[in-house]
Amino acid sequence: MTTTRPTGTAPKVTASRAAASPADARALGLAHYAARGVLEHFLARHGLTFPQQIALRTAVTAETPRTRDALVTEVRGVLKADPAALHATLDELVAGGLLAVAGAHLRPTEAGRAALAAVAAETAPVSARIWGGIPAEDLAAAGRVLALVTERADAELARLTAGAPA
């Protein structure tokens, strides 16, 4: 049976619903892609892709301007993407006027900062509906678990890419 709810309201999360879905790789993946799908909807309005947004946000939030290679290294740490693809992503951001070449560094432009700010403003009410009502202690526990999973997965990926057997 399909239920409907008023536009703009989040589904009610019940204890039985949460208990029916143990945290595992599948649950993590489903949550990631659901949230990413929402974000990509807003990014598309601004002609941005998910990797471009990650690279641009990395440049904007850096304390000092980054070289191209340093930016690729930082973004690769997040996306686990091929460096050649990340260099292409940076080229797209430069061509689009969202990053500027300043000597050996890439700097975010005002247009790049404005695009991120616009996406943040547009996603804020949706994020509030998604995250709203989740108890703080649940968010804290989820944060600890996700940090541990990330740490372990990063260690496994480093081991695998260093040629260690699976």
N, C-alpha and C. Protein backbone atom coordinates (compact mmCIF):
# COMPACT_ATOMS: atom_id res chain seq x y z
N MET A 1 0.84 -1.17 0.00
CA MET A 1 0.00 0.00 0.00
C MET A 1 0.89 1.24 0.00
N THR A 2 0.57 2.19 -0.85
CA THR A 2 1.32 3.43 -0.95
C THR A 2 0.66 4.48 -0.08
N THR A 3 1.48 5.18 0.67
CA THR A 3 0.95 6.27 1.48
C THR A 3 1.44 7.58 0.90
N THR A 4 0.66 8.60 1.08
CA THR A 4 1.08 9.92 0.63
C THR A 4 1.18 10.82 1.83
N ARG A 5 2.02 11.82 1.70
CA ARG A 5 2.14 12.81 2.76
C ARG A 5 2.24 14.17 2.09
N PRO A 6 1.93 15.19 2.82
CA PRO A 6 1.98 16.53 2.23
C PRO A 6 3.37 16.83 1.68
N THR A 7 3.41 17.58 0.60
CA THR A 7 4.68 17.99 0.01
C THR A 7 5.51 18.73 1.05
N GLY A 8 6.80 18.38 1.08
CA GLY A 8 7.71 19.07 1.98
C GLY A 8 7.80 18.48 3.37
N THR A 9 7.14 17.35 3.61
CA THR A 9 7.26 16.75 4.93
C THR A 9 8.10 15.49 4.83
N ALA A 10 8.82 15.20 5.87
CA ALA A 10 9.67 14.01 5.90
C ALA A 10 8.86 12.84 6.44
N PRO A 11 9.19 11.62 6.00
CA PRO A 11 8.50 10.47 6.56
C PRO A 11 8.85 10.32 8.03
N LYS A 12 7.92 9.85 8.79
CA LYS A 12 8.15 9.65 10.21
C LYS A 12 9.06 8.44 10.39
N VAL A 13 10.12 8.61 11.15
CA VAL A 13 11.02 7.51 11.45
C VAL A 13 10.59 6.91 12.77
N THR A 14 10.26 5.65 12.73
CA THR A 14 9.81 4.99 13.94
C THR A 14 10.90 4.07 14.46
N ALA A 15 10.79 3.70 15.71
CA ALA A 15 11.77 2.79 16.30
C ALA A 15 11.78 1.46 15.56
N SER A 16 10.61 0.97 15.15
CA SER A 16 10.58 -0.32 14.46
C SER A 16 11.24 -0.22 13.09
N ARG A 17 11.09 0.92 12.41
CA ARG A 17 11.73 1.10 11.12
C ARG A 17 13.24 1.12 11.28
N ALA A 18 13.73 1.86 12.27
CA ALA A 18 15.16 1.94 12.51
C ALA A 18 15.72 0.59 12.94
N ALA A 19 15.01 -0.14 13.76
CA ALA A 19 15.47 -1.43 14.24
C ALA A 19 15.48 -2.47 13.13
N ALA A 20 14.63 -2.30 12.13
CA ALA A 20 14.54 -3.27 11.05
C ALA A 20 15.72 -3.16 10.09
N SER A 21 16.48 -2.09 10.16
CA SER A 21 17.59 -1.87 9.24
C SER A 21 18.90 -1.74 10.00
N PRO A 22 19.60 -2.85 10.22
CA PRO A 22 20.88 -2.73 10.93
C PRO A 22 21.89 -1.98 10.07
N ALA A 23 22.78 -1.31 10.72
CA ALA A 23 23.83 -0.58 10.01
C ALA A 23 24.78 -1.58 9.37
N ASP A 24 24.91 -1.49 8.08
CA ASP A 24 25.85 -2.31 7.34
C ASP A 24 26.23 -1.56 6.07
N ALA A 25 27.06 -2.16 5.24
CA ALA A 25 27.54 -1.47 4.04
C ALA A 25 26.38 -1.09 3.12
N ARG A 26 25.38 -1.96 3.01
CA ARG A 26 24.24 -1.66 2.14
C ARG A 26 23.46 -0.45 2.67
N ALA A 27 23.18 -0.43 3.97
CA ALA A 27 22.45 0.69 4.56
C ALA A 27 23.22 1.99 4.38
N LEU A 28 24.53 1.94 4.57
CA LEU A 28 25.37 3.11 4.38
C LEU A 28 25.31 3.58 2.92
N GLY A 29 25.42 2.65 2.00
CA GLY A 29 25.35 2.99 0.58
C GLY A 29 24.01 3.59 0.19
N LEU A 30 22.93 3.01 0.69
CA LEU A 30 21.61 3.54 0.38
C LEU A 30 21.44 4.96 0.90
N ALA A 31 21.90 5.21 2.11
CA ALA A 31 21.81 6.55 2.68
C ALA A 31 22.66 7.54 1.87
N HIS A 32 23.87 7.11 1.52
CA HIS A 32 24.76 7.97 0.74
C HIS A 32 24.12 8.36 -0.58
N TYR A 33 23.64 7.38 -1.32
CA TYR A 33 23.09 7.67 -2.65
C TYR A 33 21.77 8.42 -2.58
N ALA A 34 20.99 8.20 -1.55
CA ALA A 34 19.75 8.97 -1.40
C ALA A 34 20.09 10.44 -1.15
N ALA A 35 21.00 10.69 -0.24
CA ALA A 35 21.40 12.08 0.07
C ALA A 35 22.12 12.71 -1.12
N ARG A 36 22.96 11.95 -1.78
CA ARG A 36 23.68 12.47 -2.94
C ARG A 36 22.70 12.82 -4.06
N GLY A 37 21.68 12.00 -4.24
CA GLY A 37 20.68 12.29 -5.25
C GLY A 37 19.99 13.61 -5.01
N VAL A 38 19.68 13.89 -3.75
CA VAL A 38 19.08 15.18 -3.40
C VAL A 38 20.05 16.31 -3.73
N LEU A 39 21.29 16.19 -3.30
CA LEU A 39 22.28 17.22 -3.57
C LEU A 39 22.48 17.42 -5.07
N GLU A 40 22.58 16.33 -5.82
CA GLU A 40 22.81 16.44 -7.27
C GLU A 40 21.66 17.15 -7.98
N HIS A 41 20.45 17.03 -7.44
CA HIS A 41 19.32 17.76 -8.00
C HIS A 41 19.60 19.26 -7.97
N PHE A 42 20.10 19.75 -6.86
CA PHE A 42 20.39 21.17 -6.71
C PHE A 42 21.66 21.57 -7.46
N LEU A 43 22.66 20.70 -7.46
CA LEU A 43 23.90 21.00 -8.19
C LEU A 43 23.61 21.18 -9.68
N ALA A 44 22.74 20.34 -10.22
CA ALA A 44 22.41 20.40 -11.65
C ALA A 44 21.83 21.76 -12.03
N ARG A 45 21.09 22.37 -11.13
CA ARG A 45 20.54 23.71 -11.39
C ARG A 45 21.62 24.74 -11.66
N HIS A 46 22.81 24.47 -11.13
CA HIS A 46 23.94 25.38 -11.25
C HIS A 46 25.01 24.85 -12.21
N GLY A 47 24.68 23.79 -12.92
CA GLY A 47 25.61 23.22 -13.88
C GLY A 47 26.80 22.54 -13.25
N LEU A 48 26.66 22.09 -12.01
CA LEU A 48 27.75 21.44 -11.29
C LEU A 48 27.50 19.95 -11.15
N THR A 49 28.59 19.20 -11.14
CA THR A 49 28.53 17.78 -10.83
C THR A 49 28.97 17.57 -9.39
N PHE A 50 28.73 16.39 -8.88
CA PHE A 50 29.15 16.08 -7.51
C PHE A 50 30.67 16.23 -7.35
N PRO A 51 31.49 15.62 -8.25
CA PRO A 51 32.94 15.81 -8.09
C PRO A 51 33.37 17.27 -8.18
N GLN A 52 32.73 18.05 -9.06
CA GLN A 52 33.07 19.47 -9.14
C GLN A 52 32.76 20.18 -7.83
N GLN A 53 31.63 19.86 -7.23
CA GLN A 53 31.25 20.49 -5.97
C GLN A 53 32.26 20.14 -4.88
N ILE A 54 32.68 18.90 -4.83
CA ILE A 54 33.66 18.49 -3.81
C ILE A 54 34.98 19.24 -4.03
N ALA A 55 35.44 19.32 -5.27
CA ALA A 55 36.69 20.01 -5.57
C ALA A 55 36.57 21.50 -5.26
N LEU A 56 35.47 22.09 -5.67
CA LEU A 56 35.27 23.53 -5.42
C LEU A 56 35.19 23.81 -3.92
N ARG A 57 34.44 22.99 -3.19
CA ARG A 57 34.33 23.18 -1.74
C ARG A 57 35.71 23.03 -1.08
N THR A 58 36.50 22.09 -1.55
CA THR A 58 37.84 21.89 -1.00
C THR A 58 38.68 23.14 -1.21
N ALA A 59 38.59 23.73 -2.40
CA ALA A 59 39.35 24.95 -2.69
C ALA A 59 38.85 26.13 -1.85
N VAL A 60 37.54 26.24 -1.72
CA VAL A 60 36.95 27.36 -0.98
C VAL A 60 37.29 27.28 0.51
N THR A 61 37.29 26.10 1.07
CA THR A 61 37.50 25.96 2.51
C THR A 61 38.97 25.83 2.91
N ALA A 62 39.86 25.76 1.93
CA ALA A 62 41.30 25.68 2.23
C ALA A 62 41.76 26.98 2.88
N GLU A 63 42.61 26.87 3.87
CA GLU A 63 43.13 28.06 4.55
C GLU A 63 44.04 28.88 3.64
N THR A 64 44.74 28.19 2.75
CA THR A 64 45.62 28.86 1.79
C THR A 64 45.36 28.26 0.41
N PRO A 65 45.66 29.01 -0.65
CA PRO A 65 45.47 28.46 -2.00
C PRO A 65 46.29 27.18 -2.19
N ARG A 66 45.75 26.27 -2.96
CA ARG A 66 46.39 24.98 -3.20
C ARG A 66 46.94 24.92 -4.62
N THR A 67 48.02 24.19 -4.76
CA THR A 67 48.47 23.87 -6.11
C THR A 67 47.49 22.86 -6.69
N ARG A 68 47.53 22.71 -8.00
CA ARG A 68 46.67 21.74 -8.67
C ARG A 68 46.88 20.35 -8.08
N ASP A 69 48.14 19.94 -7.94
CA ASP A 69 48.42 18.59 -7.42
C ASP A 69 47.95 18.42 -5.98
N ALA A 70 48.13 19.46 -5.16
CA ALA A 70 47.67 19.37 -3.77
C ALA A 70 46.15 19.25 -3.71
N LEU A 71 45.47 20.00 -4.57
CA LEU A 71 44.01 19.94 -4.61
C LEU A 71 43.54 18.56 -5.07
N VAL A 72 44.19 18.02 -6.08
CA VAL A 72 43.85 16.66 -6.55
C VAL A 72 44.05 15.65 -5.42
N THR A 73 45.14 15.77 -4.69
CA THR A 73 45.41 14.84 -3.58
C THR A 73 44.32 14.94 -2.52
N GLU A 74 43.93 16.16 -2.15
CA GLU A 74 42.89 16.33 -1.14
C GLU A 74 41.55 15.77 -1.61
N VAL A 75 41.17 16.07 -2.84
CA VAL A 75 39.89 15.61 -3.36
C VAL A 75 39.91 14.10 -3.54
N ARG A 76 41.04 13.56 -3.95
CA ARG A 76 41.15 12.10 -4.10
C ARG A 76 40.94 11.40 -2.75
N GLY A 77 41.39 12.04 -1.67
CA GLY A 77 41.17 11.49 -0.35
C GLY A 77 39.69 11.38 0.00
N VAL A 78 38.88 12.25 -0.58
CA VAL A 78 37.44 12.24 -0.34
C VAL A 78 36.73 11.29 -1.31
N LEU A 79 37.00 11.48 -2.60
CA LEU A 79 36.25 10.75 -3.63
C LEU A 79 36.85 9.41 -4.03
N LYS A 80 38.11 9.18 -3.70
CA LYS A 80 38.79 7.94 -4.10
C LYS A 80 38.76 7.79 -5.62
N ALA A 81 38.85 8.90 -6.32
CA ALA A 81 38.75 8.91 -7.77
C ALA A 81 40.13 8.91 -8.42
N ASP A 82 40.15 8.59 -9.69
CA ASP A 82 41.37 8.57 -10.48
C ASP A 82 41.92 9.99 -10.60
N PRO A 83 43.22 10.18 -10.36
CA PRO A 83 43.79 11.53 -10.46
C PRO A 83 43.55 12.20 -11.81
N ALA A 84 43.60 11.43 -12.90
CA ALA A 84 43.36 12.03 -14.22
C ALA A 84 41.95 12.60 -14.31
N ALA A 85 40.98 11.89 -13.75
CA ALA A 85 39.59 12.38 -13.75
C ALA A 85 39.47 13.64 -12.89
N LEU A 86 40.21 13.70 -11.81
CA LEU A 86 40.17 14.88 -10.94
C LEU A 86 40.84 16.08 -11.60
N HIS A 87 41.91 15.84 -12.34
CA HIS A 87 42.53 16.94 -13.09
C HIS A 87 41.53 17.47 -14.12
N ALA A 88 40.78 16.58 -14.76
CA ALA A 88 39.76 17.01 -15.72
C ALA A 88 38.67 17.81 -15.02
N THR A 89 38.30 17.40 -13.82
CA THR A 89 37.30 18.14 -13.04
C THR A 89 37.79 19.55 -12.74
N LEU A 90 39.05 19.67 -12.35
CA LEU A 90 39.61 21.00 -12.09
C LEU A 90 39.64 21.85 -13.36
N ASP A 91 39.98 21.22 -14.49
CA ASP A 91 39.95 21.94 -15.77
C ASP A 91 38.55 22.48 -16.07
N GLU A 92 37.53 21.68 -15.78
CA GLU A 92 36.14 22.10 -16.00
C GLU A 92 35.80 23.31 -15.12
N LEU A 93 36.25 23.27 -13.87
CA LEU A 93 35.97 24.39 -12.96
C LEU A 93 36.69 25.66 -13.41
N VAL A 94 37.91 25.52 -13.91
CA VAL A 94 38.64 26.68 -14.42
C VAL A 94 37.94 27.21 -15.67
N ALA A 95 37.58 26.31 -16.59
CA ALA A 95 36.90 26.72 -17.83
C ALA A 95 35.56 27.40 -17.53
N GLY A 96 34.89 26.96 -16.46
CA GLY A 96 33.62 27.54 -16.08
C GLY A 96 33.73 28.80 -15.25
N GLY A 97 34.96 29.23 -14.96
CA GLY A 97 35.16 30.46 -14.21
C GLY A 97 34.92 30.31 -12.72
N LEU A 98 34.90 29.08 -12.21
CA LEU A 98 34.67 28.86 -10.78
C LEU A 98 35.97 28.75 -9.99
N LEU A 99 37.04 28.37 -10.69
CA LEU A 99 38.39 28.40 -10.14
C LEU A 99 39.24 29.21 -11.11
N ALA A 100 40.25 29.87 -10.56
CA ALA A 100 41.16 30.66 -11.39
C ALA A 100 42.59 30.20 -11.13
N VAL A 101 43.39 30.20 -12.18
CA VAL A 101 44.80 29.88 -12.06
C VAL A 101 45.52 31.15 -11.61
N ALA A 102 46.26 31.02 -10.52
CA ALA A 102 47.03 32.13 -9.97
C ALA A 102 48.45 31.63 -9.75
N GLY A 103 49.26 31.72 -10.79
CA GLY A 103 50.61 31.17 -10.71
C GLY A 103 50.52 29.66 -10.62
N ALA A 104 51.12 29.12 -9.57
CA ALA A 104 51.11 27.67 -9.38
C ALA A 104 49.87 27.19 -8.62
N HIS A 105 49.00 28.12 -8.26
CA HIS A 105 47.85 27.78 -7.42
C HIS A 105 46.53 27.92 -8.16
N LEU A 106 45.53 27.23 -7.62
CA LEU A 106 44.15 27.40 -8.06
C LEU A 106 43.40 28.09 -6.93
N ARG A 107 42.69 29.15 -7.28
CA ARG A 107 41.93 29.91 -6.29
C ARG A 107 40.46 29.91 -6.69
N PRO A 108 39.58 29.81 -5.71
CA PRO A 108 38.16 29.93 -6.04
C PRO A 108 37.85 31.37 -6.46
N THR A 109 36.98 31.51 -7.43
CA THR A 109 36.55 32.85 -7.86
C THR A 109 35.31 33.24 -7.08
N GLU A 110 34.91 34.49 -7.22
CA GLU A 110 33.66 34.93 -6.58
C GLU A 110 32.49 34.13 -7.15
N ALA A 111 32.53 33.82 -8.43
CA ALA A 111 31.46 33.01 -9.03
C ALA A 111 31.43 31.61 -8.40
N GLY A 112 32.61 31.06 -8.13
CA GLY A 112 32.68 29.74 -7.48
C GLY A 112 32.11 29.78 -6.07
N ARG A 113 32.48 30.81 -5.34
CA ARG A 113 31.96 30.97 -3.97
C ARG A 113 30.44 31.18 -4.00
N ALA A 114 29.98 31.97 -4.95
CA ALA A 114 28.54 32.25 -5.06
C ALA A 114 27.76 30.98 -5.42
N ALA A 115 28.32 30.16 -6.29
CA ALA A 115 27.64 28.91 -6.67
C ALA A 115 27.49 27.99 -5.46
N LEU A 116 28.55 27.86 -4.67
CA LEU A 116 28.46 27.03 -3.46
C LEU A 116 27.46 27.61 -2.47
N ALA A 117 27.48 28.91 -2.31
CA ALA A 117 26.54 29.54 -1.38
C ALA A 117 25.10 29.35 -1.83
N ALA A 118 24.86 29.44 -3.13
CA ALA A 118 23.51 29.25 -3.65
C ALA A 118 23.03 27.82 -3.42
N VAL A 119 23.90 26.86 -3.69
CA VAL A 119 23.53 25.46 -3.46
C VAL A 119 23.25 25.23 -1.97
N ALA A 120 24.08 25.78 -1.11
CA ALA A 120 23.88 25.62 0.33
C ALA A 120 22.54 26.22 0.76
N ALA A 121 22.21 27.38 0.24
CA ALA A 121 20.94 28.02 0.60
C ALA A 121 19.75 27.21 0.10
N GLU A 122 19.86 26.66 -1.09
CA GLU A 122 18.76 25.88 -1.65
C GLU A 122 18.58 24.54 -0.95
N THR A 123 19.68 23.93 -0.53
CA THR A 123 19.58 22.62 0.11
C THR A 123 19.24 22.71 1.59
N ALA A 124 19.43 23.87 2.21
CA ALA A 124 19.22 23.99 3.66
C ALA A 124 17.84 23.53 4.12
N PRO A 125 16.75 23.96 3.50
CA PRO A 125 15.45 23.50 4.00
C PRO A 125 15.23 21.99 3.78
N VAL A 126 15.77 21.47 2.71
CA VAL A 126 15.63 20.03 2.45
C VAL A 126 16.45 19.25 3.48
N SER A 127 17.66 19.72 3.74
CA SER A 127 18.50 19.06 4.75
C SER A 127 17.83 19.09 6.12
N ALA A 128 17.19 20.20 6.43
CA ALA A 128 16.50 20.31 7.72
C ALA A 128 15.39 19.27 7.82
N ARG A 129 14.68 19.02 6.71
CA ARG A 129 13.63 18.00 6.73
C ARG A 129 14.21 16.60 6.84
N ILE A 130 15.34 16.38 6.20
CA ILE A 130 15.97 15.06 6.24
C ILE A 130 16.52 14.75 7.62
N TRP A 131 17.24 15.70 8.21
CA TRP A 131 17.92 15.49 9.48
C TRP A 131 17.06 15.84 10.69
N GLY A 132 16.02 16.62 10.48
CA GLY A 132 15.20 17.09 11.59
C GLY A 132 14.55 15.96 12.36
N GLY A 133 14.52 16.12 13.66
CA GLY A 133 13.84 15.16 14.52
C GLY A 133 14.68 13.95 14.91
N ILE A 134 15.88 13.84 14.38
CA ILE A 134 16.75 12.73 14.79
C ILE A 134 17.41 13.14 16.10
N PRO A 135 17.24 12.33 17.14
CA PRO A 135 17.82 12.71 18.45
C PRO A 135 19.34 12.93 18.37
N ALA A 136 19.81 13.91 19.12
CA ALA A 136 21.23 14.25 19.12
C ALA A 136 22.11 13.06 19.48
N GLU A 137 21.65 12.23 20.41
CA GLU A 137 22.46 11.07 20.80
C GLU A 137 22.55 10.06 19.66
N ASP A 138 21.51 9.95 18.85
CA ASP A 138 21.57 9.06 17.68
C ASP A 138 22.54 9.61 16.64
N LEU A 139 22.50 10.91 16.42
CA LEU A 139 23.43 11.53 15.48
C LEU A 139 24.88 11.38 15.96
N ALA A 140 25.11 11.52 17.25
CA ALA A 140 26.45 11.37 17.80
C ALA A 140 26.94 9.93 17.62
N ALA A 141 26.07 8.96 17.89
CA ALA A 141 26.45 7.56 17.73
C ALA A 141 26.72 7.25 16.26
N ALA A 142 25.86 7.74 15.39
CA ALA A 142 26.06 7.51 13.95
C ALA A 142 27.37 8.14 13.49
N GLY A 143 27.66 9.33 13.97
CA GLY A 143 28.90 10.00 13.62
C GLY A 143 30.12 9.19 14.02
N ARG A 144 30.09 8.63 15.23
CA ARG A 144 31.22 7.81 15.70
C ARG A 144 31.37 6.56 14.84
N VAL A 145 30.28 5.91 14.54
CA VAL A 145 30.32 4.69 13.73
C VAL A 145 30.83 5.01 12.32
N LEU A 146 30.31 6.06 11.72
CA LEU A 146 30.72 6.42 10.36
C LEU A 146 32.19 6.82 10.31
N ALA A 147 32.69 7.51 11.32
CA ALA A 147 34.11 7.86 11.37
C ALA A 147 34.97 6.61 11.45
N LEU A 148 34.55 5.64 12.25
CA LEU A 148 35.29 4.39 12.38
C LEU A 148 35.26 3.59 11.08
N VAL A 149 34.10 3.51 10.44
CA VAL A 149 33.99 2.79 9.17
C VAL A 149 34.87 3.47 8.12
N THR A 150 34.86 4.79 8.07
CA THR A 150 35.69 5.52 7.12
C THR A 150 37.16 5.24 7.36
N GLU A 151 37.58 5.29 8.61
CA GLU A 151 38.98 5.04 8.96
C GLU A 151 39.40 3.64 8.53
N ARG A 152 38.57 2.66 8.84
CA ARG A 152 38.90 1.27 8.49
C ARG A 152 38.89 1.05 6.98
N ALA A 153 37.90 1.61 6.29
CA ALA A 153 37.84 1.44 4.84
C ALA A 153 39.02 2.12 4.17
N ASP A 154 39.40 3.32 4.64
CA ASP A 154 40.57 3.99 4.09
C ASP A 154 41.83 3.15 4.30
N ALA A 155 41.97 2.53 5.46
CA ALA A 155 43.13 1.68 5.73
C ALA A 155 43.13 0.45 4.82
N GLU A 156 41.96 -0.14 4.61
CA GLU A 156 41.88 -1.30 3.72
C GLU A 156 42.19 -0.92 2.28
N LEU A 157 41.68 0.23 1.83
CA LEU A 157 41.96 0.68 0.47
C LEU A 157 43.46 0.94 0.30
N ALA A 158 44.07 1.57 1.29
CA ALA A 158 45.52 1.82 1.21
C ALA A 158 46.28 0.50 1.15
N ARG A 159 45.85 -0.48 1.93
CA ARG A 159 46.51 -1.79 1.91
C ARG A 159 46.34 -2.46 0.56
N LEU A 160 45.13 -2.41 0.02
CA LEU A 160 44.85 -3.05 -1.27
C LEU A 160 45.60 -2.38 -2.42
N THR A 161 45.66 -1.04 -2.39
CA THR A 161 46.33 -0.35 -3.48
C THR A 161 47.85 -0.44 -3.35
N ALA A 162 48.33 -0.82 -2.18
CA ALA A 162 49.77 -1.04 -2.00
C ALA A 162 50.18 -2.44 -2.47
N GLY A 163 49.18 -3.22 -2.93
CA GLY A 163 49.48 -4.55 -3.46
C GLY A 163 49.31 -5.68 -2.48
N ALA A 164 48.77 -5.38 -1.30
CA ALA A 164 48.52 -6.45 -0.32
C ALA A 164 47.38 -7.35 -0.81
N PRO A 165 47.45 -8.63 -0.50
CA PRO A 165 46.36 -9.52 -0.93
C PRO A 165 45.06 -9.20 -0.20
N ALA A 166 43.96 -9.45 -0.89
CA ALA A 166 42.64 -9.21 -0.30
C ALA A 166 42.44 -10.20 0.78
